Amino acid sequence: MYVCPKCGKEIEKIEQKFVRCPYCGSRILMKKRPPIAKEVSTD
């Protein structure tokens, strides 16, 4: 799943030929990540 930073809409699939937001036409898409931060132990 991808998110457009310009319009904020979520995109489920992108075509192989063109990487564009189908709503606003922006060429920048970000991979959606979970909001949970990872815990790292420092032993």
N, C-alpha and C. Protein backbone atom coordinates (compact mmCIF):
# COMPACT_ATOMS: atom_id res chain seq x y z
N MET A 1 0.85 -1.16 0.00
CA MET A 1 0.00 0.00 0.00
C MET A 1 0.90 1.24 0.00
N TYR A 2 0.50 2.23 -0.75
CA TYR A 2 1.25 3.48 -0.88
C TYR A 2 0.38 4.66 -0.49
N VAL A 3 1.04 5.77 -0.11
CA VAL A 3 0.34 7.00 0.26
C VAL A 3 0.93 8.15 -0.54
N CYS A 4 0.06 8.98 -1.09
CA CYS A 4 0.50 10.17 -1.82
C CYS A 4 0.72 11.29 -0.82
N PRO A 5 1.92 11.88 -0.76
CA PRO A 5 2.16 12.96 0.20
C PRO A 5 1.47 14.27 -0.18
N LYS A 6 1.10 14.43 -1.44
CA LYS A 6 0.48 15.67 -1.89
C LYS A 6 -1.00 15.74 -1.51
N CYS A 7 -1.76 14.67 -1.81
CA CYS A 7 -3.20 14.70 -1.52
C CYS A 7 -3.57 13.85 -0.29
N GLY A 8 -2.67 12.95 0.15
CA GLY A 8 -2.91 12.16 1.35
C GLY A 8 -3.77 10.92 1.13
N LYS A 9 -4.06 10.58 -0.11
CA LYS A 9 -4.90 9.41 -0.39
C LYS A 9 -4.04 8.14 -0.42
N GLU A 10 -4.68 7.02 -0.07
CA GLU A 10 -4.01 5.73 -0.09
C GLU A 10 -4.25 5.04 -1.43
N ILE A 11 -3.17 4.47 -1.99
CA ILE A 11 -3.25 3.78 -3.26
C ILE A 11 -2.88 2.32 -3.02
N GLU A 12 -3.74 1.39 -3.43
CA GLU A 12 -3.48 -0.03 -3.19
C GLU A 12 -2.56 -0.62 -4.25
N LYS A 13 -2.80 -0.33 -5.51
CA LYS A 13 -1.98 -0.89 -6.58
C LYS A 13 -1.48 0.23 -7.48
N ILE A 14 -0.26 0.03 -8.00
CA ILE A 14 0.27 0.95 -8.99
C ILE A 14 0.59 0.14 -10.24
N GLU A 15 0.46 0.76 -11.39
CA GLU A 15 0.78 0.08 -12.64
C GLU A 15 2.29 0.03 -12.82
N GLN A 16 2.75 -0.96 -13.56
CA GLN A 16 4.19 -1.13 -13.79
C GLN A 16 4.79 0.01 -14.60
N LYS A 17 4.04 0.53 -15.57
CA LYS A 17 4.60 1.54 -16.47
C LYS A 17 4.68 2.93 -15.83
N PHE A 18 3.61 3.34 -15.13
CA PHE A 18 3.54 4.70 -14.61
C PHE A 18 3.40 4.69 -13.10
N VAL A 19 4.24 5.47 -12.43
CA VAL A 19 4.14 5.62 -10.99
C VAL A 19 3.56 7.01 -10.74
N ARG A 20 2.25 7.08 -10.64
CA ARG A 20 1.55 8.34 -10.41
C ARG A 20 0.35 8.12 -9.53
N CYS A 21 -0.02 9.15 -8.79
CA CYS A 21 -1.24 9.11 -7.99
C CYS A 21 -2.42 9.26 -8.95
N PRO A 22 -3.40 8.35 -8.89
CA PRO A 22 -4.54 8.45 -9.80
C PRO A 22 -5.48 9.61 -9.46
N TYR A 23 -5.33 10.21 -8.28
CA TYR A 23 -6.22 11.29 -7.86
C TYR A 23 -5.68 12.67 -8.23
N CYS A 24 -4.39 12.92 -7.93
CA CYS A 24 -3.84 14.26 -8.18
C CYS A 24 -2.75 14.29 -9.26
N GLY A 25 -2.22 13.12 -9.66
CA GLY A 25 -1.20 13.07 -10.71
C GLY A 25 0.22 13.25 -10.22
N SER A 26 0.43 13.27 -8.91
CA SER A 26 1.77 13.43 -8.36
C SER A 26 2.61 12.20 -8.66
N ARG A 27 3.89 12.39 -8.93
CA ARG A 27 4.78 11.27 -9.24
C ARG A 27 5.48 10.71 -8.00
N ILE A 28 5.25 11.30 -6.85
CA ILE A 28 5.90 10.86 -5.62
C ILE A 28 4.91 10.03 -4.81
N LEU A 29 5.29 8.80 -4.48
CA LEU A 29 4.47 7.93 -3.63
C LEU A 29 5.36 7.38 -2.53
N MET A 30 4.81 7.31 -1.32
CA MET A 30 5.56 6.78 -0.19
C MET A 30 4.96 5.46 0.25
N LYS A 31 5.80 4.54 0.68
CA LYS A 31 5.34 3.26 1.18
C LYS A 31 4.73 3.47 2.56
N LYS A 32 3.53 2.94 2.78
CA LYS A 32 2.86 3.11 4.06
C LYS A 32 3.51 2.20 5.09
N ARG A 33 3.81 2.76 6.26
CA ARG A 33 4.46 2.01 7.33
C ARG A 33 3.59 2.03 8.57
N PRO A 34 3.72 1.02 9.41
CA PRO A 34 2.93 1.01 10.64
C PRO A 34 3.38 2.12 11.59
N PRO A 35 2.47 2.68 12.37
CA PRO A 35 2.82 3.79 13.26
C PRO A 35 3.57 3.36 14.52
N ILE A 36 3.79 2.07 14.73
CA ILE A 36 4.44 1.57 15.94
C ILE A 36 5.95 1.62 15.77
N ALA A 37 6.63 2.22 16.75
CA ALA A 37 8.09 2.30 16.72
C ALA A 37 8.66 0.98 17.26
N LYS A 38 9.79 0.58 16.76
CA LYS A 38 10.43 -0.64 17.22
C LYS A 38 11.19 -0.38 18.51
N GLU A 39 11.16 -1.37 19.41
CA GLU A 39 11.92 -1.26 20.66
C GLU A 39 13.25 -1.97 20.49
N VAL A 40 14.33 -1.30 20.92
CA VAL A 40 15.67 -1.86 20.82
C VAL A 40 16.26 -1.95 22.22
N SER A 41 16.75 -3.12 22.58
CA SER A 41 17.36 -3.26 23.90
C SER A 41 18.82 -2.85 23.84
N THR A 42 19.32 -2.23 24.89
CA THR A 42 20.71 -1.77 24.95
C THR A 42 21.45 -2.47 26.07
N ASP A 43 21.44 -3.78 26.01
CA ASP A 43 22.14 -4.55 27.06
C ASP A 43 23.61 -4.65 26.81
